[in-house]
Amino acid sequence: QVQLVESGGGLVQAGGSLRLSCAASGRTFSRYGMGWFRQPPVKEREFVARINWSGGVTSYADSVKGRFTISRNNANNTVYLQMNSLKPEDTAVYYCAASFVDSDVAARYNYWGQGTQVTVSS
């Protein structure tokens, strides 16, 4: 139903910013809650942020709260993750995902993008 493609990753110095984008296909994007997850080196995938179908409810992992902002534009089928004040521990492959439920649990998400690498140097 939904195909997701992330972009915007790259190499940035600590304290810098990046904005990740996730472009969704299909005509039903606005019916899905969207989440961002990340998988650091040698660690398991972890929740980063999510936003509900209308964009009115967001949730963040404690590790990124106050630094990252998730948003969505249903008109162009895109979800964003603005990342500020980046730290080396933010280094990971970042994935966007879509779900019919509001959840911080990766297993509840139905569709996933291919991931985009974010590397933060000290």
PDB file of N, CA and C in Angstrom:
ATOM      1  N   GLN A   1       0.816  -1.204   0.000  1.00  0.00           N
ATOM      2  CA  GLN A   1       0.000   0.000   0.000  1.00  0.00           C
ATOM      3  C   GLN A   1       0.854   1.261   0.000  1.00  0.00           C
ATOM      4  N   VAL A   2       1.953   1.240   0.769  1.00  0.00           N
ATOM      5  CA  VAL A   2       2.801   2.408   0.912  1.00  0.00           C
ATOM      6  C   VAL A   2       4.250   2.015   0.652  1.00  0.00           C
ATOM      7  N   GLN A   3       4.926   2.804  -0.161  1.00  0.00           N
ATOM      8  CA  GLN A   3       6.360   2.692  -0.367  1.00  0.00           C
ATOM      9  C   GLN A   3       7.018   3.958   0.179  1.00  0.00           C
ATOM     10  N   LEU A   4       8.107   3.788   0.920  1.00  0.00           N
ATOM     11  CA  LEU A   4       8.764   4.887   1.607  1.00  0.00           C
ATOM     12  C   LEU A   4      10.217   4.975   1.171  1.00  0.00           C
ATOM     13  N   VAL A   5      10.688   6.195   0.926  1.00  0.00           N
ATOM     14  CA  VAL A   5      12.070   6.434   0.525  1.00  0.00           C
ATOM     15  C   VAL A   5      12.623   7.585   1.350  1.00  0.00           C
ATOM     16  N   GLU A   6      13.658   7.300   2.145  1.00  0.00           N
ATOM     17  CA  GLU A   6      14.306   8.322   2.958  1.00  0.00           C
ATOM     18  C   GLU A   6      15.389   9.033   2.159  1.00  0.00           C
ATOM     19  N   SER A   7      15.659  10.269   2.545  1.00  0.00           N
ATOM     20  CA  SER A   7      16.766  11.027   1.987  1.00  0.00           C
ATOM     21  C   SER A   7      17.195  12.075   3.000  1.00  0.00           C
ATOM     22  N   GLY A   8      18.345  12.671   2.765  1.00  0.00           N
ATOM     23  CA  GLY A   8      18.815  13.765   3.593  1.00  0.00           C
ATOM     24  C   GLY A   8      19.907  13.421   4.576  1.00  0.00           C
ATOM     25  N   GLY A   9      20.276  12.154   4.667  1.00  0.00           N
ATOM     26  CA  GLY A   9      21.352  11.780   5.553  1.00  0.00           C
ATOM     27  C   GLY A   9      22.693  12.249   5.037  1.00  0.00           C
ATOM     28  N   GLY A  10      23.699  12.122   5.884  1.00  0.00           N
ATOM     29  CA  GLY A  10      25.036  12.532   5.506  1.00  0.00           C
ATOM     30  C   GLY A  10      25.940  12.651   6.704  1.00  0.00           C
ATOM     31  N   LEU A  11      27.068  13.303   6.484  1.00  0.00           N
ATOM     32  CA  LEU A  11      28.074  13.518   7.509  1.00  0.00           C
ATOM     33  C   LEU A  11      27.975  14.946   8.021  1.00  0.00           C
ATOM     34  N   VAL A  12      27.928  15.104   9.323  1.00  0.00           N
ATOM     35  CA  VAL A  12      27.817  16.423   9.929  1.00  0.00           C
ATOM     36  C   VAL A  12      28.645  16.446  11.207  1.00  0.00           C
ATOM     37  N   GLN A  13      29.166  17.608  11.541  1.00  0.00           N
ATOM     38  CA  GLN A  13      29.915  17.763  12.775  1.00  0.00           C
ATOM     39  C   GLN A  13      28.981  17.880  13.970  1.00  0.00           C
ATOM     40  N   ALA A  14      29.475  17.476  15.127  1.00  0.00           N
ATOM     41  CA  ALA A  14      28.697  17.613  16.350  1.00  0.00           C
ATOM     42  C   ALA A  14      28.233  19.058  16.517  1.00  0.00           C
ATOM     43  N   GLY A  15      26.975  19.199  16.906  1.00  0.00           N
ATOM     44  CA  GLY A  15      26.374  20.511  17.034  1.00  0.00           C
ATOM     45  C   GLY A  15      25.655  20.991  15.798  1.00  0.00           C
ATOM     46  N   GLY A  16      25.842  20.307  14.694  1.00  0.00           N
ATOM     47  CA  GLY A  16      25.213  20.685  13.448  1.00  0.00           C
ATOM     48  C   GLY A  16      23.804  20.149  13.313  1.00  0.00           C
ATOM     49  N   SER A  17      23.232  20.361  12.135  1.00  0.00           N
ATOM     50  CA  SER A  17      21.847  19.991  11.870  1.00  0.00           C
ATOM     51  C   SER A  17      21.713  19.266  10.547  1.00  0.00           C
ATOM     52  N   LEU A  18      20.705  18.417  10.472  1.00  0.00           N
ATOM     53  CA  LEU A  18      20.291  17.764   9.245  1.00  0.00           C
ATOM     54  C   LEU A  18      18.777  17.674   9.242  1.00  0.00           C
ATOM     55  N   ARG A  19      18.200  17.647   8.058  1.00  0.00           N
ATOM     56  CA  ARG A  19      16.779  17.378   7.918  1.00  0.00           C
ATOM     57  C   ARG A  19      16.596  16.157   7.039  1.00  0.00           C
ATOM     58  N   LEU A  20      15.990  15.132   7.595  1.00  0.00           N
ATOM     59  CA  LEU A  20      15.671  13.930   6.854  1.00  0.00           C
ATOM     60  C   LEU A  20      14.274  14.045   6.268  1.00  0.00           C
ATOM     61  N   SER A  21      14.106  13.494   5.084  1.00  0.00           N
ATOM     62  CA  SER A  21      12.811  13.455   4.432  1.00  0.00           C
ATOM     63  C   SER A  21      12.445  12.016   4.117  1.00  0.00           C
ATOM     64  N   CYS A  22      11.163  11.737   4.131  1.00  0.00           N
ATOM     65  CA  CYS A  22      10.650  10.423   3.775  1.00  0.00           C
ATOM     66  C   CYS A  22       9.476  10.634   2.837  1.00  0.00           C
ATOM     67  N   ALA A  23       9.666  10.262   1.590  1.00  0.00           N
ATOM     68  CA  ALA A  23       8.631  10.419   0.578  1.00  0.00           C
ATOM     69  C   ALA A  23       7.828   9.131   0.463  1.00  0.00           C
ATOM     70  N   ALA A  24       6.515   9.257   0.517  1.00  0.00           N
ATOM     71  CA  ALA A  24       5.624   8.111   0.468  1.00  0.00           C
ATOM     72  C   ALA A  24       4.859   8.083  -0.839  1.00  0.00           C
ATOM     73  N   SER A  25       4.655   6.892  -1.343  1.00  0.00           N
ATOM     74  CA  SER A  25       3.841   6.701  -2.527  1.00  0.00           C
ATOM     75  C   SER A  25       2.399   6.421  -2.137  1.00  0.00           C
ATOM     76  N   GLY A  26       1.534   6.372  -3.116  1.00  0.00           N
ATOM     77  CA  GLY A  26       0.155   6.008  -2.880  1.00  0.00           C
ATOM     78  C   GLY A  26      -0.738   7.182  -2.540  1.00  0.00           C
ATOM     79  N   ARG A  27      -2.007   6.882  -2.423  1.00  0.00           N
ATOM     80  CA  ARG A  27      -3.029   7.895  -2.180  1.00  0.00           C
ATOM     81  C   ARG A  27      -3.541   7.899  -0.750  1.00  0.00           C
ATOM     82  N   THR A  28      -3.020   7.029   0.111  1.00  0.00           N
ATOM     83  CA  THR A  28      -3.537   6.875   1.463  1.00  0.00           C
ATOM     84  C   THR A  28      -2.539   7.278   2.536  1.00  0.00           C
ATOM     85  N   PHE A  29      -1.545   8.082   2.185  1.00  0.00           N
ATOM     86  CA  PHE A  29      -0.518   8.478   3.136  1.00  0.00           C
ATOM     87  C   PHE A  29      -1.103   9.096   4.399  1.00  0.00           C
ATOM     88  N   SER A  30      -2.092   9.948   4.252  1.00  0.00           N
ATOM     89  CA  SER A  30      -2.625  10.679   5.390  1.00  0.00           C
ATOM     90  C   SER A  30      -3.340   9.787   6.392  1.00  0.00           C
ATOM     91  N   ARG A  31      -3.619   8.546   6.065  1.00  0.00           N
ATOM     92  CA  ARG A  31      -4.278   7.620   6.976  1.00  0.00           C
ATOM     93  C   ARG A  31      -3.310   6.918   7.914  1.00  0.00           C
ATOM     94  N   TYR A  32      -2.013   7.079   7.702  1.00  0.00           N
ATOM     95  CA  TYR A  32      -0.995   6.386   8.480  1.00  0.00           C
ATOM     96  C   TYR A  32      -0.347   7.302   9.497  1.00  0.00           C
ATOM     97  N   GLY A  33      -0.109   6.740  10.686  1.00  0.00           N
ATOM     98  CA  GLY A  33       0.856   7.346  11.564  1.00  0.00           C
ATOM     99  C   GLY A  33       2.256   7.044  11.047  1.00  0.00           C
ATOM    100  N   MET A  34       3.162   7.978  11.249  1.00  0.00           N
ATOM    101  CA  MET A  34       4.519   7.832  10.740  1.00  0.00           C
ATOM    102  C   MET A  34       5.518   7.889  11.877  1.00  0.00           C
ATOM    103  N   GLY A  35       6.541   7.078  11.771  1.00  0.00           N
ATOM    104  CA  GLY A  35       7.587   7.054  12.772  1.00  0.00           C
ATOM    105  C   GLY A  35       8.966   7.100  12.156  1.00  0.00           C
ATOM    106  N   TRP A  36       9.907   7.589  12.938  1.00  0.00           N
ATOM    107  CA  TRP A  36      11.328   7.503  12.621  1.00  0.00           C
ATOM    108  C   TRP A  36      12.000   6.598  13.651  1.00  0.00           C
ATOM    109  N   PHE A  37      12.789   5.670  13.163  1.00  0.00           N
ATOM    110  CA  PHE A  37      13.596   4.787  13.982  1.00  0.00           C
ATOM    111  C   PHE A  37      15.040   4.889  13.529  1.00  0.00           C
ATOM    112  N   ARG A  38      15.940   4.438  14.369  1.00  0.00           N
ATOM    113  CA  ARG A  38      17.346   4.433  13.983  1.00  0.00           C
ATOM    114  C   ARG A  38      18.034   3.198  14.543  1.00  0.00           C
ATOM    115  N   GLN A  39      19.095   2.811  13.862  1.00  0.00           N
ATOM    116  CA  GLN A  39      19.886   1.666  14.290  1.00  0.00           C
ATOM    117  C   GLN A  39      21.356   2.083  14.307  1.00  0.00           C
ATOM    118  N   PRO A  40      21.897   2.353  15.503  1.00  0.00           N
ATOM    119  CA  PRO A  40      23.313   2.698  15.609  1.00  0.00           C
ATOM    120  C   PRO A  40      24.183   1.475  15.367  1.00  0.00           C
ATOM    121  N   PRO A  41      25.477   1.676  15.130  1.00  0.00           N
ATOM    122  CA  PRO A  41      26.379   0.540  14.969  1.00  0.00           C
ATOM    123  C   PRO A  41      26.341  -0.375  16.185  1.00  0.00           C
ATOM    124  N   VAL A  42      26.288  -1.652  15.950  1.00  0.00           N
ATOM    125  CA  VAL A  42      26.299  -2.715  16.955  1.00  0.00           C
ATOM    126  C   VAL A  42      25.167  -2.613  17.975  1.00  0.00           C
ATOM    127  N   LYS A  43      24.109  -1.877  17.654  1.00  0.00           N
ATOM    128  CA  LYS A  43      22.965  -1.766  18.539  1.00  0.00           C
ATOM    129  C   LYS A  43      21.685  -2.115  17.785  1.00  0.00           C
ATOM    130  N   GLU A  44      20.630  -2.364  18.543  1.00  0.00           N
ATOM    131  CA  GLU A  44      19.345  -2.693  17.956  1.00  0.00           C
ATOM    132  C   GLU A  44      18.618  -1.431  17.501  1.00  0.00           C
ATOM    133  N   ARG A  45      17.651  -1.637  16.638  1.00  0.00           N
ATOM    134  CA  ARG A  45      16.837  -0.529  16.173  1.00  0.00           C
ATOM    135  C   ARG A  45      16.057   0.082  17.327  1.00  0.00           C
ATOM    136  N   GLU A  46      15.979   1.408  17.360  1.00  0.00           N
ATOM    137  CA  GLU A  46      15.321   2.090  18.449  1.00  0.00           C
ATOM    138  C   GLU A  46      14.408   3.191  17.937  1.00  0.00           C
ATOM    139  N   PHE A  47      13.393   3.464  18.720  1.00  0.00           N
ATOM    140  CA  PHE A  47      12.429   4.500  18.398  1.00  0.00           C
ATOM    141  C   PHE A  47      13.057   5.876  18.527  1.00  0.00           C
ATOM    142  N   VAL A  48      12.712   6.759  17.595  1.00  0.00           N
ATOM    143  CA  VAL A  48      13.179   8.133  17.624  1.00  0.00           C
ATOM    144  C   VAL A  48      12.021   9.108  17.801  1.00  0.00           C
ATOM    145  N   ALA A  49      11.033   9.030  16.919  1.00  0.00           N
ATOM    146  CA  ALA A  49       9.927   9.976  16.944  1.00  0.00           C
ATOM    147  C   ALA A  49       8.765   9.420  16.143  1.00  0.00           C
ATOM    148  N   ARG A  50       7.569   9.902  16.432  1.00  0.00           N
ATOM    149  CA  ARG A  50       6.404   9.537  15.646  1.00  0.00           C
ATOM    150  C   ARG A  50       5.442  10.704  15.576  1.00  0.00           C
ATOM    151  N   ILE A  51       4.549  10.635  14.605  1.00  0.00           N
ATOM    152  CA  ILE A  51       3.541  11.658  14.402  1.00  0.00           C
ATOM    153  C   ILE A  51       2.271  10.978  13.922  1.00  0.00           C
ATOM    154  N   ASN A  52       1.129  11.402  14.436  1.00  0.00           N
ATOM    155  CA  ASN A  52      -0.106  10.728  14.089  1.00  0.00           C
ATOM    156  C   ASN A  52      -0.608  11.168  12.722  1.00  0.00           C
ATOM    157  N   TRP A  53      -1.725  10.600  12.318  1.00  0.00           N
ATOM    158  CA  TRP A  53      -2.222  10.802  10.957  1.00  0.00           C
ATOM    159  C   TRP A  53      -2.499  12.258  10.625  1.00  0.00           C
ATOM    160  N   SER A  54      -2.955  13.031  11.600  1.00  0.00           N
ATOM    161  CA  SER A  54      -3.302  14.428  11.362  1.00  0.00           C
ATOM    162  C   SER A  54      -2.132  15.376  11.584  1.00  0.00           C
ATOM    163  N   GLY A  55      -1.073  14.892  12.212  1.00  0.00           N
ATOM    164  CA  GLY A  55       0.054  15.738  12.558  1.00  0.00           C
ATOM    165  C   GLY A  55      -0.092  16.455  13.879  1.00  0.00           C
ATOM    166  N   GLY A  56      -1.205  16.231  14.587  1.00  0.00           N
ATOM    167  CA  GLY A  56      -1.460  16.948  15.811  1.00  0.00           C
ATOM    168  C   GLY A  56      -0.855  16.339  17.062  1.00  0.00           C
ATOM    169  N   VAL A  57      -0.384  15.107  16.981  1.00  0.00           N
ATOM    170  CA  VAL A  57       0.182  14.421  18.132  1.00  0.00           C
ATOM    171  C   VAL A  57       1.547  13.892  17.746  1.00  0.00           C
ATOM    172  N   THR A  58       2.553  14.231  18.534  1.00  0.00           N
ATOM    173  CA  THR A  58       3.907  13.746  18.307  1.00  0.00           C
ATOM    174  C   THR A  58       4.463  13.142  19.580  1.00  0.00           C
ATOM    175  N   SER A  59       5.463  12.301  19.421  1.00  0.00           N
ATOM    176  CA  SER A  59       6.134  11.683  20.543  1.00  0.00           C
ATOM    177  C   SER A  59       7.604  11.498  20.189  1.00  0.00           C
ATOM    178  N   TYR A  60       8.475  11.636  21.195  1.00  0.00           N
ATOM    179  CA  TYR A  60       9.912  11.565  20.974  1.00  0.00           C
ATOM    180  C   TYR A  60      10.579  10.693  22.019  1.00  0.00           C
ATOM    181  N   ALA A  61      11.639  10.029  21.596  1.00  0.00           N
ATOM    182  CA  ALA A  61      12.498   9.365  22.554  1.00  0.00           C
ATOM    183  C   ALA A  61      13.168  10.404  23.442  1.00  0.00           C
ATOM    184  N   ASP A  62      13.404  10.034  24.695  1.00  0.00           N
ATOM    185  CA  ASP A  62      14.033  10.971  25.622  1.00  0.00           C
ATOM    186  C   ASP A  62      15.383  11.462  25.111  1.00  0.00           C
ATOM    187  N   SER A  63      16.093  10.619  24.390  1.00  0.00           N
ATOM    188  CA  SER A  63      17.422  10.963  23.936  1.00  0.00           C
ATOM    189  C   SER A  63      17.446  12.073  22.891  1.00  0.00           C
ATOM    190  N   VAL A  64      16.318  12.317  22.222  1.00  0.00           N
ATOM    191  CA  VAL A  64      16.275  13.332  21.174  1.00  0.00           C
ATOM    192  C   VAL A  64      15.323  14.464  21.489  1.00  0.00           C
ATOM    193  N   LYS A  65      14.582  14.370  22.563  1.00  0.00           N
ATOM    194  CA  LYS A  65      13.586  15.382  22.903  1.00  0.00           C
ATOM    195  C   LYS A  65      14.250  16.743  23.068  1.00  0.00           C
ATOM    196  N   GLY A  66      13.659  17.733  22.439  1.00  0.00           N
ATOM    197  CA  GLY A  66      14.209  19.074  22.481  1.00  0.00           C
ATOM    198  C   GLY A  66      15.205  19.372  21.387  1.00  0.00           C
ATOM    199  N   ARG A  67      15.681  18.347  20.698  1.00  0.00           N
ATOM    200  CA  ARG A  67      16.642  18.526  19.621  1.00  0.00           C
ATOM    201  C   ARG A  67      16.058  18.168  18.254  1.00  0.00           C
ATOM    202  N   PHE A  68      15.191  17.159  18.214  1.00  0.00           N
ATOM    203  CA  PHE A  68      14.605  16.688  16.961  1.00  0.00           C
ATOM    204  C   PHE A  68      13.142  17.105  16.888  1.00  0.00           C
ATOM    205  N   THR A  69      12.666  17.340  15.676  1.00  0.00           N
ATOM    206  CA  THR A  69      11.272  17.670  15.440  1.00  0.00           C
ATOM    207  C   THR A  69      10.757  16.878  14.252  1.00  0.00           C
ATOM    208  N   ILE A  70       9.671  16.148  14.464  1.00  0.00           N
ATOM    209  CA  ILE A  70       9.031  15.417  13.386  1.00  0.00           C
ATOM    210  C   ILE A  70       7.848  16.234  12.873  1.00  0.00           C
ATOM    211  N   SER A  71       7.645  16.207  11.574  1.00  0.00           N
ATOM    212  CA  SER A  71       6.516  16.903  10.970  1.00  0.00           C
ATOM    213  C   SER A  71       6.095  16.150   9.715  1.00  0.00           C
ATOM    214  N   ARG A  72       4.946  16.499   9.197  1.00  0.00           N
ATOM    215  CA  ARG A  72       4.483  15.864   7.974  1.00  0.00           C
ATOM    216  C   ARG A  72       3.715  16.848   7.127  1.00  0.00           C
ATOM    217  N   ASN A  73       3.741  16.603   5.833  1.00  0.00           N
ATOM    218  CA  ASN A  73       2.989  17.376   4.874  1.00  0.00           C
ATOM    219  C   ASN A  73       2.193  16.384   4.039  1.00  0.00           C
ATOM    220  N   ASN A  74       0.934  16.233   4.369  1.00  0.00           N
ATOM    221  CA  ASN A  74       0.112  15.252   3.676  1.00  0.00           C
ATOM    222  C   ASN A  74      -0.185  15.647   2.232  1.00  0.00           C
ATOM    223  N   ALA A  75      -0.031  16.922   1.909  1.00  0.00           N
ATOM    224  CA  ALA A  75      -0.277  17.369   0.545  1.00  0.00           C
ATOM    225  C   ALA A  75       0.765  16.816  -0.421  1.00  0.00           C
ATOM    226  N   ASN A  76       2.012  16.659   0.037  1.00  0.00           N
ATOM    227  CA  ASN A  76       3.042  16.094  -0.832  1.00  0.00           C
ATOM    228  C   ASN A  76       3.543  14.741  -0.347  1.00  0.00           C
ATOM    229  N   ASN A  77       2.817  14.124   0.585  1.00  0.00           N
ATOM    230  CA  ASN A  77       3.112  12.757   1.040  1.00  0.00           C
ATOM    231  C   ASN A  77       4.533  12.623   1.578  1.00  0.00           C
ATOM    232  N   THR A  78       4.914  13.540   2.447  1.00  0.00           N
ATOM    233  CA  THR A  78       6.272  13.552   2.970  1.00  0.00           C
ATOM    234  C   THR A  78       6.260  13.768   4.477  1.00  0.00           C
ATOM    235  N   VAL A  79       7.112  13.029   5.171  1.00  0.00           N
ATOM    236  CA  VAL A  79       7.349  13.234   6.583  1.00  0.00           C
ATOM    237  C   VAL A  79       8.804  13.652   6.765  1.00  0.00           C
ATOM    238  N   TYR A  80       9.055  14.512   7.745  1.00  0.00           N
ATOM    239  CA  TYR A  80      10.375  15.081   7.953  1.00  0.00           C
ATOM    240  C   TYR A  80      10.857  14.816   9.372  1.00  0.00           C
ATOM    241  N   LEU A  81      12.159  14.795   9.511  1.00  0.00           N
ATOM    242  CA  LEU A  81      12.782  14.783  10.823  1.00  0.00           C
ATOM    243  C   LEU A  81      13.876  15.841  10.820  1.00  0.00           C
ATOM    244  N   GLN A  82      13.607  16.944  11.497  1.00  0.00           N
ATOM    245  CA  GLN A  82      14.605  17.991  11.662  1.00  0.00           C
ATOM    246  C   GLN A  82      15.455  17.658  12.871  1.00  0.00           C
ATOM    247  N   MET A  83      16.747  17.535  12.669  1.00  0.00           N
ATOM    248  CA  MET A  83      17.676  17.132  13.717  1.00  0.00           C
ATOM    249  C   MET A  83      18.645  18.273  13.966  1.00  0.00           C
ATOM    250  N   ASN A  84      18.602  18.823  15.164  1.00  0.00           N
ATOM    251  CA  ASN A  84      19.484  19.905  15.571  1.00  0.00           C
ATOM    252  C   ASN A  84      20.374  19.457  16.719  1.00  0.00           C
ATOM    253  N   SER A  85      21.435  20.205  16.939  1.00  0.00           N
ATOM    254  CA  SER A  85      22.364  19.920  18.032  1.00  0.00           C
ATOM    255  C   SER A  85      22.795  18.464  18.027  1.00  0.00           C
ATOM    256  N   LEU A  86      23.202  17.995  16.878  1.00  0.00           N
ATOM    257  CA  LEU A  86      23.530  16.579  16.721  1.00  0.00           C
ATOM    258  C   LEU A  86      24.746  16.195  17.545  1.00  0.00           C
ATOM    259  N   LYS A  87      24.703  14.972  18.042  1.00  0.00           N
ATOM    260  CA  LYS A  87      25.761  14.408  18.865  1.00  0.00           C
ATOM    261  C   LYS A  87      26.322  13.164  18.191  1.00  0.00           C
ATOM    262  N   PRO A  88      27.554  12.796  18.497  1.00  0.00           N
ATOM    263  CA  PRO A  88      28.098  11.570  17.907  1.00  0.00           C
ATOM    264  C   PRO A  88      27.231  10.343  18.161  1.00  0.00           C
ATOM    265  N   GLU A  89      26.564  10.272  19.294  1.00  0.00           N
ATOM    266  CA  GLU A  89      25.711   9.138  19.585  1.00  0.00           C
ATOM    267  C   GLU A  89      24.443   9.092  18.743  1.00  0.00           C
ATOM    268  N   ASP A  90      24.177  10.141  17.964  1.00  0.00           N
ATOM    269  CA  ASP A  90      23.079  10.114  17.007  1.00  0.00           C
ATOM    270  C   ASP A  90      23.446   9.368  15.728  1.00  0.00           C
ATOM    271  N   THR A  91      24.693   8.996  15.572  1.00  0.00           N
ATOM    272  CA  THR A  91      25.131   8.274  14.386  1.00  0.00           C
ATOM    273  C   THR A  91      24.371   6.961  14.265  1.00  0.00           C
ATOM    274  N   ALA A  92      23.738   6.751  13.127  1.00  0.00           N
ATOM    275  CA  ALA A  92      22.919   5.562  12.918  1.00  0.00           C
ATOM    276  C   ALA A  92      22.377   5.575  11.498  1.00  0.00           C
ATOM    277  N   VAL A  93      21.815   4.449  11.105  1.00  0.00           N
ATOM    278  CA  VAL A  93      20.956   4.411   9.931  1.00  0.00           C
ATOM    279  C   VAL A  93      19.551   4.767  10.395  1.00  0.00           C
ATOM    280  N   TYR A  94      18.957   5.753   9.759  1.00  0.00           N
ATOM    281  CA  TYR A  94      17.630   6.230  10.126  1.00  0.00           C
ATOM    282  C   TYR A  94      16.600   5.701   9.143  1.00  0.00           C
ATOM    283  N   TYR A  95      15.504   5.180   9.683  1.00  0.00           N
ATOM    284  CA  TYR A  95      14.431   4.598   8.892  1.00  0.00           C
ATOM    285  C   TYR A  95      13.121   5.320   9.183  1.00  0.00           C
ATOM    286  N   CYS A  96      12.337   5.552   8.154  1.00  0.00           N
ATOM    287  CA  CYS A  96      10.963   5.970   8.376  1.00  0.00           C
ATOM    288  C   CYS A  96      10.043   4.773   8.191  1.00  0.00           C
ATOM    289  N   ALA A  97       8.890   4.835   8.830  1.00  0.00           N
ATOM    290  CA  ALA A  97       7.963   3.718   8.821  1.00  0.00           C
ATOM    291  C   ALA A  97       6.540   4.231   8.956  1.00  0.00           C
ATOM    292  N   ALA A  98       5.592   3.426   8.497  1.00  0.00           N
ATOM    293  CA  ALA A  98       4.181   3.786   8.510  1.00  0.00           C
ATOM    294  C   ALA A  98       3.375   2.729   9.235  1.00  0.00           C
ATOM    295  N   SER A  99       2.379   3.185   9.994  1.00  0.00           N
ATOM    296  CA  SER A  99       1.530   2.283  10.758  1.00  0.00           C
ATOM    297  C   SER A  99       0.120   2.839  10.852  1.00  0.00           C
ATOM    298  N   PHE A 100      -0.854   1.954  10.995  1.00  0.00           N
ATOM    299  CA  PHE A 100      -2.231   2.364  11.241  1.00  0.00           C
ATOM    300  C   PHE A 100      -2.506   2.658  12.704  1.00  0.00           C
ATOM    301  N   VAL A 101      -1.551   2.371  13.575  1.00  0.00           N
ATOM    302  CA  VAL A 101      -1.714   2.635  14.999  1.00  0.00           C
ATOM    303  C   VAL A 101      -0.613   3.571  15.469  1.00  0.00           C
ATOM    304  N   ASP A 102      -0.872   4.255  16.569  1.00  0.00           N
ATOM    305  CA  ASP A 102       0.130   5.106  17.190  1.00  0.00           C
ATOM    306  C   ASP A 102       0.954   4.259  18.139  1.00  0.00           C
ATOM    307  N   SER A 103       2.239   4.109  17.846  1.00  0.00           N
ATOM    308  CA  SER A 103       3.077   3.220  18.628  1.00  0.00           C
ATOM    309  C   SER A 103       4.531   3.632  18.541  1.00  0.00           C
ATOM    310  N   ASP A 104       5.274   3.347  19.615  1.00  0.00           N
ATOM    311  CA  ASP A 104       6.717   3.509  19.640  1.00  0.00           C
ATOM    312  C   ASP A 104       7.440   2.200  19.336  1.00  0.00           C
ATOM    313  N   VAL A 105       6.706   1.151  19.042  1.00  0.00           N
ATOM    314  CA  VAL A 105       7.259  -0.183  18.873  1.00  0.00           C
ATOM    315  C   VAL A 105       7.414  -0.478  17.391  1.00  0.00           C
ATOM    316  N   ALA A 106       8.622  -0.839  16.998  1.00  0.00           N
ATOM    317  CA  ALA A 106       8.902  -1.066  15.587  1.00  0.00           C
ATOM    318  C   ALA A 106       8.019  -2.144  14.987  1.00  0.00           C
ATOM    319  N   ALA A 107       7.701  -3.176  15.763  1.00  0.00           N
ATOM    320  CA  ALA A 107       6.917  -4.288  15.248  1.00  0.00           C
ATOM    321  C   ALA A 107       5.504  -3.891  14.860  1.00  0.00           C
ATOM    322  N   ARG A 108       5.027  -2.762  15.327  1.00  0.00           N
ATOM    323  CA  ARG A 108       3.679  -2.308  14.997  1.00  0.00           C
ATOM    324  C   ARG A 108       3.624  -1.563  13.664  1.00  0.00           C
ATOM    325  N   TYR A 109       4.747  -1.328  13.059  1.00  0.00           N
ATOM    326  CA  TYR A 109       4.783  -0.587  11.803  1.00  0.00           C
ATOM    327  C   TYR A 109       4.743  -1.538  10.617  1.00  0.00           C
ATOM    328  N   ASN A 110       3.957  -1.175   9.628  1.00  0.00           N
ATOM    329  CA  ASN A 110       3.666  -2.055   8.510  1.00  0.00           C
ATOM    330  C   ASN A 110       4.610  -1.875   7.331  1.00  0.00           C
ATOM    331  N   TYR A 111       5.105  -0.670   7.127  1.00  0.00           N
ATOM    332  CA  TYR A 111       5.925  -0.348   5.969  1.00  0.00           C
ATOM    333  C   TYR A 111       7.155   0.410   6.410  1.00  0.00           C
ATOM    334  N   TRP A 112       8.263   0.122   5.727  1.00  0.00           N
ATOM    335  CA  TRP A 112       9.554   0.694   6.082  1.00  0.00           C
ATOM    336  C   TRP A 112      10.293   1.183   4.852  1.00  0.00           C
ATOM    337  N   GLY A 113      11.030   2.263   5.029  1.00  0.00           N
ATOM    338  CA  GLY A 113      11.940   2.712   4.004  1.00  0.00           C
ATOM    339  C   GLY A 113      13.246   1.948   4.052  1.00  0.00           C
ATOM    340  N   GLN A 114      14.140   2.289   3.143  1.00  0.00           N
ATOM    341  CA  GLN A 114      15.413   1.572   3.021  1.00  0.00           C
ATOM    342  C   GLN A 114      16.472   2.072   3.990  1.00  0.00           C
ATOM    343  N   GLY A 115      16.264   3.219   4.589  1.00  0.00           N
ATOM    344  CA  GLY A 115      17.206   3.786   5.525  1.00  0.00           C
ATOM    345  C   GLY A 115      18.143   4.791   4.891  1.00  0.00           C
ATOM    346  N   THR A 116      18.595   5.746   5.697  1.00  0.00           N
ATOM    347  CA  THR A 116      19.584   6.721   5.264  1.00  0.00           C
ATOM    348  C   THR A 116      20.598   6.909   6.382  1.00  0.00           C
ATOM    349  N   GLN A 117      21.875   6.948   6.026  1.00  0.00           N
ATOM    350  CA  GLN A 117      22.949   7.005   7.013  1.00  0.00           C
ATOM    351  C   GLN A 117      23.144   8.426   7.509  1.00  0.00           C
ATOM    352  N   VAL A 118      23.210   8.563   8.824  1.00  0.00           N
ATOM    353  CA  VAL A 118      23.572   9.816   9.472  1.00  0.00           C
ATOM    354  C   VAL A 118      24.822   9.560  10.295  1.00  0.00           C
ATOM    355  N   THR A 119      25.869  10.319  10.031  1.00  0.00           N
ATOM    356  CA  THR A 119      27.122  10.187  10.764  1.00  0.00           C
ATOM    357  C   THR A 119      27.481  11.535  11.360  1.00  0.00           C
ATOM    358  N   VAL A 120      27.675  11.558  12.664  1.00  0.00           N
ATOM    359  CA  VAL A 120      28.002  12.782  13.387  1.00  0.00           C
ATOM    360  C   VAL A 120      29.410  12.640  13.939  1.00  0.00           C
ATOM    361  N   SER A 121      30.294  13.512  13.517  1.00  0.00           N
ATOM    362  CA  SER A 121      31.681  13.471  13.946  1.00  0.00           C
ATOM    363  C   SER A 121      31.909  14.439  15.101  1.00  0.00           C
ATOM    364  N   SER A 122      32.853  14.097  15.970  1.00  0.00           N
ATOM    365  CA  SER A 122      33.177  14.934  17.112  1.00  0.00           C
ATOM    366  C   SER A 122      34.302  15.896  16.786  1.00  0.00           C
TER     367      SER A 122
END
